[in-house]
Amino acid sequence: MKPHSRGERSELKWDGIIWSCRAEGVPLWIGGTGSGPDERMLSIAKLVMESLPEIEVKAARFLATFLKDPRSWVLQEVDLAAEAERQECDFLLVLSDGVVYCRCSVGFIGKTPRKLIMEIS
């Protein structure tokens, strides 16, 4: 897994649809309303970001079980909003490769990867 820039952070902002910020150098999307982010999602986001290196490794291993050719993955975003809810997951890690543009979302329930959603372009 290719490391992304760590340490970059921004404040949570409401864009009229979703709460977002940058945490550990990646976009973080959190569901909620205009009055504030969803407290449950915010709690999960904090736990995810505290364990991000471990969770990234789990996501890459999970992807390797489906994709037989070895690839390097780059974390693009962490989704704790509508898409994670649609996929019936606590959160999604969205990763991409740098060769054939392949974007994969690995859905987690707790700290266990449970679902793979792939987009290839």
N, C-alpha and C. Protein backbone atom coordinates (compact mmCIF):
# COMPACT_ATOMS: atom_id res chain seq x y z
N MET A 1 0.84 -1.16 0.00
CA MET A 1 0.00 0.00 0.00
C MET A 1 0.89 1.23 0.00
N LYS A 2 0.65 2.16 -0.90
CA LYS A 2 1.44 3.39 -0.96
C LYS A 2 1.00 4.33 0.15
N PRO A 3 1.96 4.86 0.90
CA PRO A 3 1.58 5.78 1.98
C PRO A 3 1.08 7.10 1.43
N HIS A 4 0.10 7.67 2.07
CA HIS A 4 -0.37 9.00 1.70
C HIS A 4 0.18 9.98 2.73
N SER A 5 0.07 11.25 2.43
CA SER A 5 0.63 12.25 3.35
C SER A 5 -0.14 12.22 4.66
N ARG A 6 0.57 12.06 5.75
CA ARG A 6 -0.05 11.98 7.07
C ARG A 6 -0.03 13.34 7.74
N GLY A 7 -0.93 13.51 8.66
CA GLY A 7 -0.90 14.69 9.50
C GLY A 7 -1.73 15.86 9.01
N GLU A 8 -2.08 15.91 7.74
CA GLU A 8 -2.86 17.04 7.21
C GLU A 8 -4.28 16.94 7.76
N ARG A 9 -4.75 18.04 8.35
CA ARG A 9 -6.09 18.05 8.95
C ARG A 9 -6.80 19.36 8.64
N SER A 10 -8.11 19.30 8.61
CA SER A 10 -8.92 20.51 8.48
C SER A 10 -10.15 20.36 9.36
N GLU A 11 -10.83 21.45 9.59
CA GLU A 11 -12.04 21.45 10.41
C GLU A 11 -13.21 20.85 9.64
N LEU A 12 -14.14 20.25 10.37
CA LEU A 12 -15.37 19.74 9.75
C LEU A 12 -16.17 20.90 9.17
N LYS A 13 -16.66 20.71 7.94
CA LYS A 13 -17.48 21.74 7.28
C LYS A 13 -18.73 21.09 6.71
N TRP A 14 -19.83 21.80 6.80
CA TRP A 14 -21.11 21.38 6.22
C TRP A 14 -21.22 22.00 4.84
N ASP A 15 -21.47 21.19 3.82
CA ASP A 15 -21.59 21.74 2.46
C ASP A 15 -23.04 21.78 1.97
N GLY A 16 -23.98 21.58 2.88
CA GLY A 16 -25.40 21.57 2.52
C GLY A 16 -25.94 20.16 2.33
N ILE A 17 -25.04 19.18 2.22
CA ILE A 17 -25.45 17.78 2.03
C ILE A 17 -24.75 16.87 3.02
N ILE A 18 -23.46 17.14 3.25
CA ILE A 18 -22.62 16.23 4.01
C ILE A 18 -21.57 17.02 4.79
N TRP A 19 -21.08 16.43 5.87
CA TRP A 19 -19.97 17.01 6.62
C TRP A 19 -18.68 16.44 6.06
N SER A 20 -17.66 17.27 5.93
CA SER A 20 -16.38 16.79 5.39
C SER A 20 -15.22 17.50 6.05
N CYS A 21 -14.07 16.84 5.99
CA CYS A 21 -12.82 17.43 6.44
C CYS A 21 -11.69 16.60 5.85
N ARG A 22 -10.48 17.00 6.11
CA ARG A 22 -9.30 16.19 5.77
C ARG A 22 -8.71 15.73 7.09
N ALA A 23 -8.46 14.44 7.18
CA ALA A 23 -7.85 13.88 8.38
C ALA A 23 -6.77 12.91 7.93
N GLU A 24 -5.60 13.05 8.47
CA GLU A 24 -4.46 12.22 8.07
C GLU A 24 -4.22 12.30 6.57
N GLY A 25 -4.54 13.45 5.98
CA GLY A 25 -4.26 13.68 4.57
C GLY A 25 -5.29 13.16 3.60
N VAL A 26 -6.39 12.60 4.08
CA VAL A 26 -7.42 12.08 3.17
C VAL A 26 -8.77 12.70 3.49
N PRO A 27 -9.62 12.85 2.45
CA PRO A 27 -10.97 13.35 2.71
C PRO A 27 -11.76 12.37 3.59
N LEU A 28 -12.51 12.92 4.50
CA LEU A 28 -13.34 12.16 5.41
C LEU A 28 -14.76 12.71 5.28
N TRP A 29 -15.72 11.84 4.95
CA TRP A 29 -17.11 12.24 4.76
C TRP A 29 -17.93 11.66 5.89
N ILE A 30 -18.71 12.51 6.56
CA ILE A 30 -19.52 12.09 7.70
C ILE A 30 -20.95 12.58 7.51
N GLY A 31 -21.89 11.66 7.67
CA GLY A 31 -23.29 12.02 7.55
C GLY A 31 -23.76 12.88 8.71
N GLY A 32 -24.88 13.53 8.51
CA GLY A 32 -25.46 14.37 9.55
C GLY A 32 -26.48 15.31 8.96
N THR A 33 -26.76 16.37 9.69
CA THR A 33 -27.70 17.39 9.23
C THR A 33 -26.99 18.74 9.33
N GLY A 34 -27.67 19.77 8.91
CA GLY A 34 -27.10 21.11 8.99
C GLY A 34 -26.77 21.54 10.41
N SER A 35 -27.42 20.92 11.39
CA SER A 35 -27.15 21.29 12.79
C SER A 35 -25.93 20.57 13.37
N GLY A 36 -25.42 19.55 12.66
CA GLY A 36 -24.21 18.88 13.14
C GLY A 36 -24.04 17.49 12.57
N PRO A 37 -22.81 16.97 12.64
CA PRO A 37 -22.57 15.61 12.16
C PRO A 37 -23.26 14.60 13.06
N ASP A 38 -23.58 13.46 12.49
CA ASP A 38 -24.18 12.36 13.24
C ASP A 38 -23.19 11.92 14.32
N GLU A 39 -23.62 11.91 15.57
CA GLU A 39 -22.72 11.60 16.70
C GLU A 39 -22.14 10.18 16.60
N ARG A 40 -22.96 9.22 16.19
CA ARG A 40 -22.47 7.83 16.04
C ARG A 40 -21.38 7.77 14.97
N MET A 41 -21.63 8.43 13.84
CA MET A 41 -20.65 8.43 12.75
C MET A 41 -19.37 9.16 13.17
N LEU A 42 -19.53 10.22 13.92
CA LEU A 42 -18.37 10.97 14.41
C LEU A 42 -17.52 10.10 15.34
N SER A 43 -18.17 9.34 16.20
CA SER A 43 -17.44 8.43 17.10
C SER A 43 -16.71 7.36 16.31
N ILE A 44 -17.38 6.79 15.31
CA ILE A 44 -16.73 5.78 14.47
C ILE A 44 -15.56 6.40 13.71
N ALA A 45 -15.74 7.61 13.20
CA ALA A 45 -14.66 8.29 12.46
C ALA A 45 -13.42 8.44 13.33
N LYS A 46 -13.60 8.81 14.58
CA LYS A 46 -12.46 8.96 15.49
C LYS A 46 -11.74 7.63 15.68
N LEU A 47 -12.50 6.56 15.86
CA LEU A 47 -11.90 5.23 16.02
C LEU A 47 -11.17 4.79 14.75
N VAL A 48 -11.78 5.05 13.61
CA VAL A 48 -11.15 4.68 12.33
C VAL A 48 -9.83 5.42 12.16
N MET A 49 -9.84 6.71 12.40
CA MET A 49 -8.63 7.50 12.18
C MET A 49 -7.53 7.12 13.18
N GLU A 50 -7.90 6.72 14.38
CA GLU A 50 -6.90 6.26 15.36
C GLU A 50 -6.24 4.97 14.92
N SER A 51 -6.95 4.14 14.16
CA SER A 51 -6.45 2.83 13.72
C SER A 51 -6.21 2.78 12.22
N LEU A 52 -6.09 3.92 11.58
CA LEU A 52 -6.04 3.95 10.11
C LEU A 52 -4.96 3.06 9.51
N PRO A 53 -3.72 3.06 9.98
CA PRO A 53 -2.72 2.18 9.35
C PRO A 53 -3.13 0.70 9.38
N GLU A 54 -3.65 0.24 10.52
CA GLU A 54 -4.10 -1.14 10.66
C GLU A 54 -5.27 -1.43 9.72
N ILE A 55 -6.20 -0.50 9.64
CA ILE A 55 -7.39 -0.69 8.80
C ILE A 55 -7.01 -0.68 7.32
N GLU A 56 -6.06 0.17 6.93
CA GLU A 56 -5.58 0.19 5.54
C GLU A 56 -4.99 -1.16 5.14
N VAL A 57 -4.20 -1.75 6.03
CA VAL A 57 -3.60 -3.06 5.76
C VAL A 57 -4.69 -4.11 5.60
N LYS A 58 -5.70 -4.08 6.46
CA LYS A 58 -6.81 -5.03 6.35
C LYS A 58 -7.53 -4.87 5.01
N ALA A 59 -7.74 -3.63 4.60
CA ALA A 59 -8.42 -3.38 3.33
C ALA A 59 -7.60 -3.93 2.16
N ALA A 60 -6.29 -3.69 2.18
CA ALA A 60 -5.42 -4.18 1.10
C ALA A 60 -5.42 -5.71 1.06
N ARG A 61 -5.38 -6.35 2.21
CA ARG A 61 -5.42 -7.82 2.25
C ARG A 61 -6.77 -8.34 1.72
N PHE A 62 -7.82 -7.66 2.10
CA PHE A 62 -9.16 -8.05 1.63
C PHE A 62 -9.23 -7.95 0.11
N LEU A 63 -8.70 -6.86 -0.46
CA LEU A 63 -8.67 -6.69 -1.91
C LEU A 63 -7.86 -7.80 -2.57
N ALA A 64 -6.75 -8.17 -1.96
CA ALA A 64 -5.87 -9.20 -2.53
C ALA A 64 -6.58 -10.55 -2.65
N THR A 65 -7.58 -10.80 -1.82
CA THR A 65 -8.30 -12.07 -1.92
C THR A 65 -9.17 -12.12 -3.17
N PHE A 66 -9.52 -10.96 -3.73
CA PHE A 66 -10.36 -10.90 -4.92
C PHE A 66 -9.56 -10.66 -6.20
N LEU A 67 -8.49 -9.91 -6.10
CA LEU A 67 -7.68 -9.55 -7.26
C LEU A 67 -6.40 -10.37 -7.23
N LYS A 68 -6.22 -11.19 -8.22
CA LYS A 68 -5.09 -12.12 -8.21
C LYS A 68 -3.76 -11.47 -8.56
N ASP A 69 -3.77 -10.35 -9.28
CA ASP A 69 -2.51 -9.68 -9.59
C ASP A 69 -2.17 -8.69 -8.48
N PRO A 70 -0.90 -8.67 -8.06
CA PRO A 70 -0.52 -7.76 -6.98
C PRO A 70 -0.60 -6.30 -7.41
N ARG A 71 -1.10 -5.46 -6.57
CA ARG A 71 -1.24 -4.03 -6.84
C ARG A 71 -0.86 -3.23 -5.62
N SER A 72 -0.48 -1.99 -5.87
CA SER A 72 -0.29 -1.04 -4.79
C SER A 72 -1.54 -0.19 -4.71
N TRP A 73 -2.00 0.07 -3.52
CA TRP A 73 -3.22 0.82 -3.33
C TRP A 73 -2.94 2.13 -2.62
N VAL A 74 -3.68 3.16 -3.00
CA VAL A 74 -3.57 4.47 -2.38
C VAL A 74 -4.93 4.82 -1.78
N LEU A 75 -4.93 5.18 -0.51
CA LEU A 75 -6.17 5.56 0.15
C LEU A 75 -6.64 6.90 -0.40
N GLN A 76 -7.87 6.95 -0.90
CA GLN A 76 -8.43 8.15 -1.49
C GLN A 76 -9.37 8.89 -0.55
N GLU A 77 -10.17 8.13 0.21
CA GLU A 77 -11.13 8.78 1.13
C GLU A 77 -11.69 7.76 2.12
N VAL A 78 -12.28 8.29 3.18
CA VAL A 78 -12.98 7.48 4.17
C VAL A 78 -14.42 8.00 4.20
N ASP A 79 -15.37 7.11 3.97
CA ASP A 79 -16.78 7.48 3.86
C ASP A 79 -17.57 6.92 5.03
N LEU A 80 -18.15 7.80 5.82
CA LEU A 80 -19.05 7.42 6.91
C LEU A 80 -20.39 8.12 6.68
N ALA A 81 -20.78 8.22 5.43
CA ALA A 81 -21.98 8.98 5.07
C ALA A 81 -22.95 8.09 4.28
N ALA A 82 -23.64 8.69 3.34
CA ALA A 82 -24.73 8.02 2.62
C ALA A 82 -24.29 6.75 1.90
N GLU A 83 -23.12 6.78 1.26
CA GLU A 83 -22.69 5.58 0.52
C GLU A 83 -22.42 4.42 1.46
N ALA A 84 -21.79 4.68 2.59
CA ALA A 84 -21.56 3.62 3.57
C ALA A 84 -22.90 3.06 4.06
N GLU A 85 -23.84 3.96 4.29
CA GLU A 85 -25.17 3.52 4.73
C GLU A 85 -25.86 2.68 3.65
N ARG A 86 -25.78 3.13 2.39
CA ARG A 86 -26.37 2.37 1.28
C ARG A 86 -25.78 0.97 1.19
N GLN A 87 -24.49 0.86 1.46
CA GLN A 87 -23.81 -0.43 1.39
C GLN A 87 -23.94 -1.24 2.68
N GLU A 88 -24.70 -0.71 3.64
CA GLU A 88 -24.94 -1.36 4.93
C GLU A 88 -23.64 -1.65 5.68
N CYS A 89 -22.77 -0.65 5.70
CA CYS A 89 -21.48 -0.75 6.38
C CYS A 89 -21.33 0.40 7.37
N ASP A 90 -20.46 0.22 8.34
CA ASP A 90 -20.16 1.31 9.26
C ASP A 90 -19.38 2.40 8.55
N PHE A 91 -18.45 1.99 7.69
CA PHE A 91 -17.65 2.94 6.92
C PHE A 91 -17.04 2.25 5.71
N LEU A 92 -16.63 3.05 4.75
CA LEU A 92 -15.95 2.56 3.54
C LEU A 92 -14.57 3.19 3.46
N LEU A 93 -13.58 2.40 3.12
CA LEU A 93 -12.28 2.92 2.73
C LEU A 93 -12.25 2.86 1.22
N VAL A 94 -12.02 3.98 0.57
CA VAL A 94 -11.98 4.04 -0.89
C VAL A 94 -10.51 4.11 -1.30
N LEU A 95 -10.09 3.13 -2.11
CA LEU A 95 -8.70 3.03 -2.54
C LEU A 95 -8.64 2.99 -4.06
N SER A 96 -7.51 3.40 -4.60
CA SER A 96 -7.32 3.27 -6.05
C SER A 96 -5.92 2.78 -6.31
N ASP A 97 -5.74 2.22 -7.53
CA ASP A 97 -4.39 1.81 -7.93
C ASP A 97 -3.86 2.87 -8.89
N GLY A 98 -2.60 2.82 -9.16
CA GLY A 98 -2.00 3.82 -10.03
C GLY A 98 -1.73 3.33 -11.43
N VAL A 99 -2.12 2.10 -11.76
CA VAL A 99 -1.80 1.52 -13.05
C VAL A 99 -3.02 1.60 -13.97
N VAL A 100 -3.92 0.66 -13.84
CA VAL A 100 -5.20 0.69 -14.54
C VAL A 100 -6.12 1.34 -13.53
N TYR A 101 -6.74 2.45 -13.87
CA TYR A 101 -7.50 3.13 -12.84
C TYR A 101 -8.62 2.23 -12.34
N CYS A 102 -8.40 1.72 -11.18
CA CYS A 102 -9.35 0.83 -10.51
C CYS A 102 -9.63 1.45 -9.15
N ARG A 103 -10.87 1.74 -8.90
CA ARG A 103 -11.26 2.34 -7.63
C ARG A 103 -12.10 1.32 -6.88
N CYS A 104 -11.68 1.02 -5.67
CA CYS A 104 -12.36 0.01 -4.87
C CYS A 104 -12.77 0.61 -3.54
N SER A 105 -13.95 0.27 -3.12
CA SER A 105 -14.41 0.64 -1.79
C SER A 105 -14.50 -0.64 -0.98
N VAL A 106 -13.87 -0.65 0.16
CA VAL A 106 -13.94 -1.79 1.05
C VAL A 106 -14.81 -1.37 2.22
N GLY A 107 -15.94 -2.08 2.36
CA GLY A 107 -16.89 -1.78 3.43
C GLY A 107 -16.54 -2.54 4.69
N PHE A 108 -16.54 -1.83 5.80
CA PHE A 108 -16.22 -2.43 7.10
C PHE A 108 -17.43 -2.40 8.01
N ILE A 109 -17.55 -3.46 8.79
CA ILE A 109 -18.48 -3.49 9.92
C ILE A 109 -17.58 -3.69 11.12
N GLY A 110 -17.52 -2.70 11.99
CA GLY A 110 -16.50 -2.69 13.03
C GLY A 110 -15.15 -2.54 12.34
N LYS A 111 -14.16 -3.31 12.75
CA LYS A 111 -12.84 -3.25 12.11
C LYS A 111 -12.64 -4.41 11.14
N THR A 112 -13.74 -5.06 10.72
CA THR A 112 -13.64 -6.22 9.84
C THR A 112 -14.16 -5.88 8.45
N PRO A 113 -13.32 -6.09 7.40
CA PRO A 113 -13.80 -5.84 6.04
C PRO A 113 -14.86 -6.86 5.66
N ARG A 114 -15.97 -6.39 5.09
CA ARG A 114 -17.10 -7.27 4.78
C ARG A 114 -17.58 -7.18 3.34
N LYS A 115 -17.26 -6.11 2.63
CA LYS A 115 -17.86 -5.90 1.31
C LYS A 115 -16.86 -5.21 0.40
N LEU A 116 -16.89 -5.57 -0.90
CA LEU A 116 -16.04 -4.94 -1.90
C LEU A 116 -16.90 -4.36 -3.00
N ILE A 117 -16.68 -3.11 -3.32
CA ILE A 117 -17.38 -2.43 -4.42
C ILE A 117 -16.29 -1.92 -5.35
N MET A 118 -16.32 -2.34 -6.62
CA MET A 118 -15.26 -1.96 -7.56
C MET A 118 -15.78 -1.12 -8.70
N GLU A 119 -14.96 -0.15 -9.12
CA GLU A 119 -15.22 0.66 -10.30
C GLU A 119 -13.95 0.62 -11.13
N ILE A 120 -14.05 0.20 -12.38
CA ILE A 120 -12.87 0.19 -13.26
C ILE A 120 -13.15 1.09 -14.44
N SER A 121 -12.20 1.97 -14.73
CA SER A 121 -12.38 2.86 -15.89
C SER A 121 -11.21 2.78 -16.82
